[in-house]
Amino acid sequence: MEVILKEDVNKLGHRGDVVNVAAGYGRNYLLPGKLAMEATAANKAVIEQMKSSSLRKSAAEKGGAEELAGKLNELVLTFERKTGENDHLFGSVTSQDIAHELELQGYKVDRRKIHLEEPLKTVGEFHVPIKIHREVSAHLQVTIKSDAPERTTASEINDDSVFKSTYTGELDDNRD
């Protein structure tokens, strides 16, 4: 089935392209989603107008995307999560969490444009790529902190490392 794309479709083509797709994909996804229209003779004549308007629209979108990328490159998002041993998170930070936090800060970014290979599951700093426009990408800094207070070790306690046994209640000098 030959269709004309009305919007950019990931891994298929850009707005105004004429592409061949499987009939089911075209009928069940592209056409109902208003992402494409059938490539008839009348529609092919309209393509030229679409392409010129899409070039103008794309130039305007690119300008806005570059401005947004400049702001996102300077932004640092901080998440506090519960952690277990070795600073491993209970749960994770996903692209949906990042998109929600960006929206709270006043930036509207679709979660599908946030490219995480896999959800973030450890404490630390991460640089997350965001593809705002097909020619413009930003790198957002995401910091994940533990919500647990810092653990105290035996060497930090000033009791000469003497502990009471919880079982007997006696002092235990051999505990490390």
Protein backbone atom coordinates (compact mmCIF):
# COMPACT_ATOMS: atom_id res chain seq x y z
CA MET A 1 0.00 0.00 0.00
CA GLU A 2 1.37 3.40 -0.96
CA VAL A 3 0.73 6.27 1.48
CA ILE A 4 1.77 9.89 1.90
CA LEU A 5 2.99 10.72 5.39
CA LYS A 6 1.28 13.70 7.05
CA GLU A 7 3.58 13.57 10.09
CA ASP A 8 7.07 12.25 10.84
CA VAL A 9 6.84 8.54 11.67
CA ASN A 10 9.79 6.99 13.46
CA LYS A 11 11.74 4.50 11.31
CA LEU A 12 9.41 5.07 8.35
CA GLY A 13 9.84 8.56 6.96
CA HIS A 14 9.26 12.28 7.27
CA ARG A 15 6.25 14.46 6.55
CA GLY A 16 5.44 14.58 2.83
CA ASP A 17 7.28 11.36 1.92
CA VAL A 18 5.55 8.75 -0.25
CA VAL A 19 6.27 5.30 1.24
CA ASN A 20 5.16 1.72 0.68
CA VAL A 21 3.84 0.00 3.79
CA ALA A 22 2.02 -3.21 4.56
CA ALA A 23 -1.70 -2.90 3.91
CA GLY A 24 -2.64 -3.70 7.52
CA TYR A 25 -0.16 -1.19 8.94
CA GLY A 26 -1.54 1.51 6.68
CA ARG A 27 -5.24 0.75 7.25
CA ASN A 28 -5.05 0.01 10.97
CA TYR A 29 -2.44 2.46 12.23
CA LEU A 30 -1.37 5.20 9.83
CA LEU A 31 -4.72 6.18 8.29
CA PRO A 32 -6.89 6.13 11.48
CA GLY A 33 -4.16 7.95 13.40
CA LYS A 34 -4.13 10.72 10.76
CA LEU A 35 -0.42 10.08 10.27
CA ALA A 36 -0.82 9.38 6.54
CA MET A 37 -3.24 9.53 3.64
CA GLU A 38 -3.62 7.26 0.63
CA ALA A 39 -1.35 8.10 -2.29
CA THR A 40 -3.96 8.70 -5.00
CA ALA A 41 -3.45 10.92 -8.06
CA ALA A 42 -5.35 13.78 -6.43
CA ASN A 43 -3.40 13.46 -3.18
CA LYS A 44 -0.08 13.36 -5.02
CA ALA A 45 -0.93 16.75 -6.54
CA VAL A 46 -1.44 18.11 -3.02
CA ILE A 47 1.99 16.81 -1.94
CA GLU A 48 3.84 19.74 -3.48
CA GLN A 49 1.83 22.20 -1.38
CA MET A 50 2.33 20.04 1.69
CA LYS A 51 6.08 19.89 1.17
CA SER A 52 6.49 23.65 0.86
CA SER A 53 4.34 24.29 3.92
CA SER A 54 6.12 21.54 5.84
CA LEU A 55 9.49 23.14 5.06
CA ARG A 56 8.28 26.41 6.56
CA LYS A 57 6.72 24.63 9.53
CA SER A 58 9.85 22.54 10.06
CA ALA A 59 12.06 25.63 10.04
CA ALA A 60 9.86 27.25 12.70
CA GLU A 61 9.81 24.04 14.77
CA LYS A 62 13.58 23.74 14.50
CA GLY A 63 14.05 27.28 15.83
CA GLY A 64 11.81 26.53 18.80
CA ALA A 65 13.51 23.18 19.35
CA GLU A 66 16.98 24.77 19.41
CA GLU A 67 15.79 27.28 22.02
CA LEU A 68 14.29 24.48 24.13
CA ALA A 69 17.46 22.38 23.75
CA GLY A 70 19.56 25.26 25.09
CA LYS A 71 17.34 25.44 28.19
CA LEU A 72 17.28 21.66 28.71
CA ASN A 73 21.08 21.37 28.40
CA GLU A 74 21.43 23.64 31.44
CA LEU A 75 18.68 21.96 33.48
CA VAL A 76 19.37 19.42 36.24
CA LEU A 77 16.55 17.17 37.44
CA THR A 78 16.90 15.60 40.89
CA PHE A 79 14.98 12.55 42.03
CA GLU A 80 14.94 11.07 45.54
CA ARG A 81 14.18 7.37 45.69
CA LYS A 82 14.35 4.59 48.27
CA THR A 83 17.51 2.56 47.96
CA GLY A 84 18.77 -0.80 49.13
CA GLU A 85 22.26 -2.22 49.30
CA ASN A 86 24.94 -0.82 46.98
CA ASP A 87 22.76 2.24 46.26
CA HIS A 88 20.42 0.18 44.09
CA LEU A 89 16.94 1.70 43.75
CA PHE A 90 13.69 0.04 44.77
CA GLY A 91 11.99 0.61 41.44
CA SER A 92 13.54 2.90 38.83
CA VAL A 93 13.44 6.30 37.15
CA THR A 94 11.81 5.99 33.73
CA SER A 95 11.29 8.31 30.78
CA GLN A 96 7.74 8.88 32.04
CA ASP A 97 9.10 10.09 35.42
CA ILE A 98 11.48 12.46 33.62
CA ALA A 99 8.72 13.79 31.34
CA HIS A 100 6.45 14.38 34.36
CA GLU A 101 9.19 16.25 36.23
CA LEU A 102 9.92 18.37 33.13
CA GLU A 103 6.23 19.22 32.88
CA LEU A 104 6.22 20.32 36.53
CA GLN A 105 9.13 22.64 35.68
CA GLY A 106 7.23 24.11 32.73
CA TYR A 107 8.70 22.15 29.78
CA LYS A 108 6.36 20.07 27.64
CA VAL A 109 8.34 17.10 26.28
CA ASP A 110 6.76 13.88 25.04
CA ARG A 111 8.10 10.87 26.96
CA ARG A 112 8.78 9.03 23.68
CA LYS A 113 11.37 11.66 22.78
CA ILE A 114 13.37 10.85 25.91
CA HIS A 115 15.83 8.13 24.89
CA LEU A 116 16.70 5.90 27.83
CA GLU A 117 18.28 2.58 26.89
CA GLU A 118 16.79 1.16 30.08
CA PRO A 119 15.31 2.71 33.24
CA LEU A 120 17.79 4.22 35.69
CA LYS A 121 18.18 1.91 38.70
CA THR A 122 21.17 3.25 40.65
CA VAL A 123 22.09 6.38 42.55
CA GLY A 124 24.27 8.86 40.61
CA GLU A 125 24.36 11.41 37.80
CA PHE A 126 23.22 10.52 34.31
CA HIS A 127 23.07 12.37 30.99
CA VAL A 128 19.83 11.54 29.19
CA PRO A 129 19.47 12.37 25.47
CA ILE A 130 16.23 13.98 24.33
CA LYS A 131 15.46 14.17 20.62
CA ILE A 132 13.34 17.31 20.40
CA HIS A 133 13.37 17.63 16.60
CA ARG A 134 14.79 15.36 13.93
CA GLU A 135 17.86 17.64 13.70
CA VAL A 136 17.99 18.90 17.31
CA SER A 137 18.90 16.89 20.41
CA ALA A 138 19.47 17.94 24.00
CA HIS A 139 21.24 16.23 26.89
CA LEU A 140 19.49 16.50 30.23
CA GLN A 141 21.36 15.90 33.47
CA VAL A 142 19.46 13.63 35.85
CA THR A 143 20.65 13.20 39.43
CA ILE A 144 19.27 10.38 41.55
CA LYS A 145 19.76 10.59 45.30
CA SER A 146 18.92 8.20 48.09
CA ASP A 147 16.20 9.32 50.49
CA ALA A 148 17.77 7.25 53.27
CA PRO A 149 20.01 9.12 55.74
CA GLU A 150 23.71 8.42 55.44
CA ARG A 151 24.59 5.19 57.22
CA THR A 152 26.98 5.41 60.13
CA THR A 153 29.73 2.85 60.30
CA ALA A 154 31.29 1.37 63.41
CA SER A 155 34.43 3.50 63.00
CA GLU A 156 32.33 6.68 63.15
CA ILE A 157 30.79 5.78 66.51
CA ASN A 158 32.80 7.13 69.46
CA ASP A 159 31.92 4.26 71.84
CA ASP A 160 35.19 2.40 71.14
CA SER A 161 33.18 0.00 69.00
CA VAL A 162 31.38 -1.52 71.98
CA PHE A 163 27.89 -2.73 71.20
CA LYS A 164 25.18 -4.32 73.27
CA SER A 165 24.07 -7.66 72.01
CA THR A 166 20.39 -7.55 71.12
CA TYR A 167 20.06 -11.19 72.09
CA THR A 168 21.61 -11.20 75.57
CA GLY A 169 21.87 -7.52 76.41
CA GLU A 170 25.57 -7.94 77.29
CA LEU A 171 28.41 -5.87 75.89
CA ASP A 172 29.97 -7.37 72.79
CA ASP A 173 33.56 -6.22 72.04
CA ASN A 174 34.15 -8.60 69.14
CA ARG A 175 31.57 -7.20 66.76
CA ASP A 176 32.89 -5.42 63.64
